[in-house]
Amino acid sequence: MNEEMAKAFLGTDQDRDAFVNRETLRHAVARAIFCRYSGKVLDVRTAVLVEASKGERRSMEVLDGADWDSVKDAALAKFAELGWMVEVIDGRTL
């Protein structure tokens, strides 16, 4: 077991949540490889995973952090207007 995993298992709920979010983001970055909007190669340390859901419908996108920053306000406002729930995992804050 690596040190990061041990810390998550033995730590607080916040430690476990951070570990799961890091691994979720790492998996999404490995699958996407490139930012769909800018074409930049994604880096888990700076990537942002945006998951939106409404009922059975679900959408997920991985963006470069700078690209997310440029559309964040408009995207979150639009999701709220349409009644979608949004979860954002930002690698820059993990």
C-alpha atoms as a PDB file:
ATOM      1  CA  MET A   1       0.000   0.000   0.000  1.00  0.00           C
ATOM      2  CA  ASN A   2       1.459   3.353  -0.934  1.00  0.00           C
ATOM      3  CA  GLU A   3       1.793   6.225   1.523  1.00  0.00           C
ATOM      4  CA  GLU A   4      -0.991   8.258  -0.077  1.00  0.00           C
ATOM      5  CA  MET A   5      -3.454   5.366   0.149  1.00  0.00           C
ATOM      6  CA  ALA A   6      -2.477   4.591   3.750  1.00  0.00           C
ATOM      7  CA  LYS A   7      -3.025   8.226   4.727  1.00  0.00           C
ATOM      8  CA  ALA A   8      -6.486   8.128   3.126  1.00  0.00           C
ATOM      9  CA  PHE A   9      -7.509   4.899   4.874  1.00  0.00           C
ATOM     10  CA  LEU A  10      -6.183   5.952   8.261  1.00  0.00           C
ATOM     11  CA  GLY A  11      -7.081   9.618   8.001  1.00  0.00           C
ATOM     12  CA  THR A  12     -10.193  11.713   8.228  1.00  0.00           C
ATOM     13  CA  ASP A  13     -13.213  11.744   5.945  1.00  0.00           C
ATOM     14  CA  GLN A  14     -11.645  14.761   4.247  1.00  0.00           C
ATOM     15  CA  ASP A  15      -8.448  12.759   3.568  1.00  0.00           C
ATOM     16  CA  ARG A  16     -10.483   9.917   2.028  1.00  0.00           C
ATOM     17  CA  ASP A  17     -12.540  12.316  -0.102  1.00  0.00           C
ATOM     18  CA  ALA A  18      -9.375  14.010  -1.385  1.00  0.00           C
ATOM     19  CA  PHE A  19      -7.824  10.628  -2.235  1.00  0.00           C
ATOM     20  CA  VAL A  20     -10.922   9.466  -4.125  1.00  0.00           C
ATOM     21  CA  ASN A  21     -11.155  12.785  -5.981  1.00  0.00           C
ATOM     22  CA  ARG A  22      -7.464  12.619  -6.976  1.00  0.00           C
ATOM     23  CA  GLU A  23      -7.864   9.070  -8.277  1.00  0.00           C
ATOM     24  CA  THR A  24     -11.074   9.949 -10.122  1.00  0.00           C
ATOM     25  CA  LEU A  25      -9.376  12.922 -11.767  1.00  0.00           C
ATOM     26  CA  ARG A  26      -6.279  10.850 -12.579  1.00  0.00           C
ATOM     27  CA  HIS A  27      -8.449   8.246 -14.333  1.00  0.00           C
ATOM     28  CA  ALA A  28     -10.373  10.898 -16.295  1.00  0.00           C
ATOM     29  CA  VAL A  29      -7.146  12.609 -17.426  1.00  0.00           C
ATOM     30  CA  ALA A  30      -5.637   9.269 -18.496  1.00  0.00           C
ATOM     31  CA  ARG A  31      -8.722   8.536 -20.612  1.00  0.00           C
ATOM     32  CA  ALA A  32      -9.049  11.993 -22.174  1.00  0.00           C
ATOM     33  CA  ILE A  33      -5.333  12.834 -22.653  1.00  0.00           C
ATOM     34  CA  PHE A  34      -6.125  16.142 -24.418  1.00  0.00           C
ATOM     35  CA  CYS A  35      -8.337  19.072 -23.445  1.00  0.00           C
ATOM     36  CA  ARG A  36     -11.240  19.032 -25.866  1.00  0.00           C
ATOM     37  CA  TYR A  37     -11.342  22.830 -26.052  1.00  0.00           C
ATOM     38  CA  SER A  38      -7.716  23.894 -26.317  1.00  0.00           C
ATOM     39  CA  GLY A  39      -6.050  20.667 -27.442  1.00  0.00           C
ATOM     40  CA  LYS A  40      -3.502  20.943 -24.623  1.00  0.00           C
ATOM     41  CA  VAL A  41      -2.131  17.755 -23.111  1.00  0.00           C
ATOM     42  CA  LEU A  42      -3.878  17.359 -19.752  1.00  0.00           C
ATOM     43  CA  ASP A  43      -1.910  17.254 -16.512  1.00  0.00           C
ATOM     44  CA  VAL A  44      -3.666  15.872 -13.430  1.00  0.00           C
ATOM     45  CA  ARG A  45      -2.124  18.675 -11.332  1.00  0.00           C
ATOM     46  CA  THR A  46      -3.853  21.378 -13.402  1.00  0.00           C
ATOM     47  CA  ALA A  47      -6.846  19.572 -14.927  1.00  0.00           C
ATOM     48  CA  VAL A  48     -10.466  20.077 -13.902  1.00  0.00           C
ATOM     49  CA  LEU A  49     -13.151  17.394 -14.081  1.00  0.00           C
ATOM     50  CA  VAL A  50     -16.688  18.742 -14.439  1.00  0.00           C
ATOM     51  CA  GLU A  51     -19.559  16.311 -13.959  1.00  0.00           C
ATOM     52  CA  ALA A  52     -23.135  17.471 -14.486  1.00  0.00           C
ATOM     53  CA  SER A  53     -26.242  15.394 -13.902  1.00  0.00           C
ATOM     54  CA  LYS A  54     -29.986  15.731 -14.058  1.00  0.00           C
ATOM     55  CA  GLY A  55     -32.045  12.650 -13.346  1.00  0.00           C
ATOM     56  CA  GLU A  56     -30.640   9.796 -15.432  1.00  0.00           C
ATOM     57  CA  ARG A  57     -28.711  12.142 -17.734  1.00  0.00           C
ATOM     58  CA  ARG A  58     -25.039  12.640 -17.000  1.00  0.00           C
ATOM     59  CA  SER A  59     -22.247  14.554 -18.697  1.00  0.00           C
ATOM     60  CA  MET A  60     -18.569  14.646 -17.840  1.00  0.00           C
ATOM     61  CA  GLU A  61     -15.748  16.721 -19.301  1.00  0.00           C
ATOM     62  CA  VAL A  62     -12.063  17.137 -18.451  1.00  0.00           C
ATOM     63  CA  LEU A  63     -10.540  20.518 -19.182  1.00  0.00           C
ATOM     64  CA  ASP A  64      -7.256  22.283 -18.672  1.00  0.00           C
ATOM     65  CA  GLY A  65      -7.566  24.505 -15.601  1.00  0.00           C
ATOM     66  CA  ALA A  66      -7.047  27.725 -17.572  1.00  0.00           C
ATOM     67  CA  ASP A  67      -9.796  26.725 -20.011  1.00  0.00           C
ATOM     68  CA  TRP A  68     -12.157  25.949 -17.128  1.00  0.00           C
ATOM     69  CA  ASP A  69     -11.390  29.330 -15.567  1.00  0.00           C
ATOM     70  CA  SER A  70     -12.394  31.073 -18.794  1.00  0.00           C
ATOM     71  CA  VAL A  71     -15.827  29.351 -19.015  1.00  0.00           C
ATOM     72  CA  LYS A  72     -16.567  28.522 -15.365  1.00  0.00           C
ATOM     73  CA  ASP A  73     -18.963  31.348 -14.526  1.00  0.00           C
ATOM     74  CA  ALA A  74     -21.025  31.013 -17.700  1.00  0.00           C
ATOM     75  CA  ALA A  75     -21.072  27.201 -17.519  1.00  0.00           C
ATOM     76  CA  LEU A  76     -22.159  27.074 -13.875  1.00  0.00           C
ATOM     77  CA  ALA A  77     -24.856  29.685 -14.520  1.00  0.00           C
ATOM     78  CA  LYS A  78     -26.186  27.711 -17.491  1.00  0.00           C
ATOM     79  CA  PHE A  79     -26.181  24.426 -15.550  1.00  0.00           C
ATOM     80  CA  ALA A  80     -28.094  26.119 -12.711  1.00  0.00           C
ATOM     81  CA  GLU A  81     -30.597  27.618 -15.172  1.00  0.00           C
ATOM     82  CA  LEU A  82     -31.224  24.147 -16.647  1.00  0.00           C
ATOM     83  CA  GLY A  83     -31.509  22.531 -13.218  1.00  0.00           C
ATOM     84  CA  TRP A  84     -28.403  20.341 -13.503  1.00  0.00           C
ATOM     85  CA  MET A  85     -26.366  19.344 -10.450  1.00  0.00           C
ATOM     86  CA  VAL A  86     -22.646  20.010 -10.941  1.00  0.00           C
ATOM     87  CA  GLU A  87     -19.586  18.533  -9.237  1.00  0.00           C
ATOM     88  CA  VAL A  88     -16.167  19.990  -9.994  1.00  0.00           C
ATOM     89  CA  ILE A  89     -12.873  18.304  -9.108  1.00  0.00           C
ATOM     90  CA  ASP A  90     -10.024  20.762  -9.596  1.00  0.00           C
ATOM     91  CA  GLY A  91      -6.542  19.249  -9.589  1.00  0.00           C
ATOM     92  CA  ARG A  92      -5.060  22.602  -8.617  1.00  0.00           C
ATOM     93  CA  THR A  93      -6.763  22.420  -5.214  1.00  0.00           C
ATOM     94  CA  LEU A  94      -6.121  18.757  -4.379  1.00  0.00           C
END
